[in-house]
């Protein structure tokens, strides 16, 4: 599996910060505003390029779900290419 490029990780961090700011309605990435929307599971997310950045689902019965319920800010960078690994942003 290929990894997400560092340049995309830096942009995804901006989306992550916006997603976890309850008053934010968009993420500014490369001087463009990308709206924060909600996935059908209720999680806040931002789509940019061929990536989606989505907050961790707190209802999941996983280690990550437990951590999110405990207050940690976790987001997943999800590429549209199935040959690229997902990337976890913490903090």
Protein backbone atom coordinates (compact mmCIF):
# COMPACT_ATOMS: atom_id res chain seq x y z
CA UNK A 1 0.00 0.00 0.00
CA UNK A 2 1.14 3.52 -0.75
CA UNK A 3 1.17 6.21 1.93
CA UNK A 4 -0.50 9.60 1.86
CA UNK A 5 2.05 12.28 0.84
CA UNK A 6 3.33 14.65 3.54
CA UNK A 7 1.93 17.67 1.66
CA UNK A 8 -1.56 16.15 1.85
CA UNK A 9 -1.08 15.33 5.53
CA UNK A 10 -0.33 19.01 6.23
CA UNK A 11 -3.49 20.10 4.40
CA UNK A 12 -5.51 17.41 6.16
CA UNK A 13 -4.31 18.76 9.52
CA UNK A 14 -6.04 22.07 8.67
CA UNK A 15 -9.28 20.20 7.94
CA UNK A 16 -8.87 18.22 11.19
CA UNK A 17 -8.51 21.42 13.22
CA UNK A 18 -11.64 22.89 11.63
CA UNK A 19 -13.66 19.69 12.10
CA UNK A 20 -12.90 19.70 15.83
CA UNK A 21 -13.80 23.39 16.22
CA UNK A 22 -17.56 23.28 16.91
CA UNK A 23 -18.10 26.81 15.59
CA UNK A 24 -16.25 26.23 12.30
CA UNK A 25 -18.31 25.77 9.15
CA UNK A 26 -15.44 25.40 6.70
CA UNK A 27 -11.74 24.54 6.49
CA UNK A 28 -9.39 26.91 4.69
CA UNK A 29 -6.86 24.97 2.64
CA UNK A 30 -4.63 26.64 0.04
CA UNK A 31 -6.72 29.84 0.25
CA UNK A 32 -9.91 27.94 -0.60
CA UNK A 33 -12.82 27.28 1.74
CA UNK A 34 -14.03 23.70 1.93
CA UNK A 35 -17.35 23.24 3.74
CA UNK A 36 -17.65 21.04 6.79
CA UNK A 37 -20.49 18.62 6.19
CA UNK A 38 -21.90 15.67 8.08
CA UNK A 39 -21.62 12.09 6.95
CA UNK A 40 -24.74 9.93 7.21
CA UNK A 41 -23.26 8.52 10.44
CA UNK A 42 -23.28 12.05 11.93
CA UNK A 43 -19.51 12.61 11.82
CA UNK A 44 -18.18 15.98 10.64
CA UNK A 45 -16.04 15.80 7.51
CA UNK A 46 -14.27 17.86 4.85
CA UNK A 47 -13.75 16.79 1.24
CA UNK A 48 -10.79 18.25 -0.65
CA UNK A 49 -9.18 16.92 -3.80
CA UNK A 50 -9.38 13.14 -3.77
CA UNK A 51 -9.44 12.94 0.04
CA UNK A 52 -11.98 13.04 2.84
CA UNK A 53 -11.02 14.01 6.38
CA UNK A 54 -13.55 12.64 8.87
CA UNK A 55 -13.72 12.78 12.63
CA UNK A 56 -13.60 9.46 14.45
CA UNK A 57 -17.07 8.01 15.02
CA UNK A 58 -17.56 8.07 18.80
CA UNK A 59 -20.19 5.33 18.58
CA UNK A 60 -17.73 2.76 17.24
CA UNK A 61 -16.86 0.01 19.69
CA UNK A 62 -13.11 0.25 19.00
CA UNK A 63 -10.04 1.66 20.70
CA UNK A 64 -10.38 4.77 18.54
CA UNK A 65 -14.06 5.16 19.38
CA UNK A 66 -13.24 4.88 23.09
CA UNK A 67 -10.48 7.47 22.76
CA UNK A 68 -12.82 9.86 20.93
CA UNK A 69 -15.50 9.40 23.61
CA UNK A 70 -12.83 10.23 26.19
CA UNK A 71 -12.31 13.60 24.48
CA UNK A 72 -9.39 12.99 22.13
CA UNK A 73 -9.58 14.71 18.76
CA UNK A 74 -9.07 12.00 16.16
CA UNK A 75 -9.64 12.26 12.41
CA UNK A 76 -9.07 9.89 9.52
CA UNK A 77 -7.71 10.95 6.15
CA UNK A 78 -9.47 8.69 3.65
CA UNK A 79 -8.13 8.59 0.09
CA UNK A 80 -10.37 7.75 -2.86
CA UNK A 81 -7.59 5.46 -4.17
CA UNK A 82 -7.99 2.02 -2.53
CA UNK A 83 -4.24 1.43 -2.94
CA UNK A 84 -3.41 4.28 -0.52
CA UNK A 85 -3.57 3.68 3.25
CA UNK A 86 -5.81 5.68 5.54
CA UNK A 87 -3.97 8.09 7.86
CA UNK A 88 -4.86 8.94 11.46
CA UNK A 89 -4.49 12.51 12.75
CA UNK A 90 -4.32 12.79 16.54
CA UNK A 91 -4.55 15.85 18.74
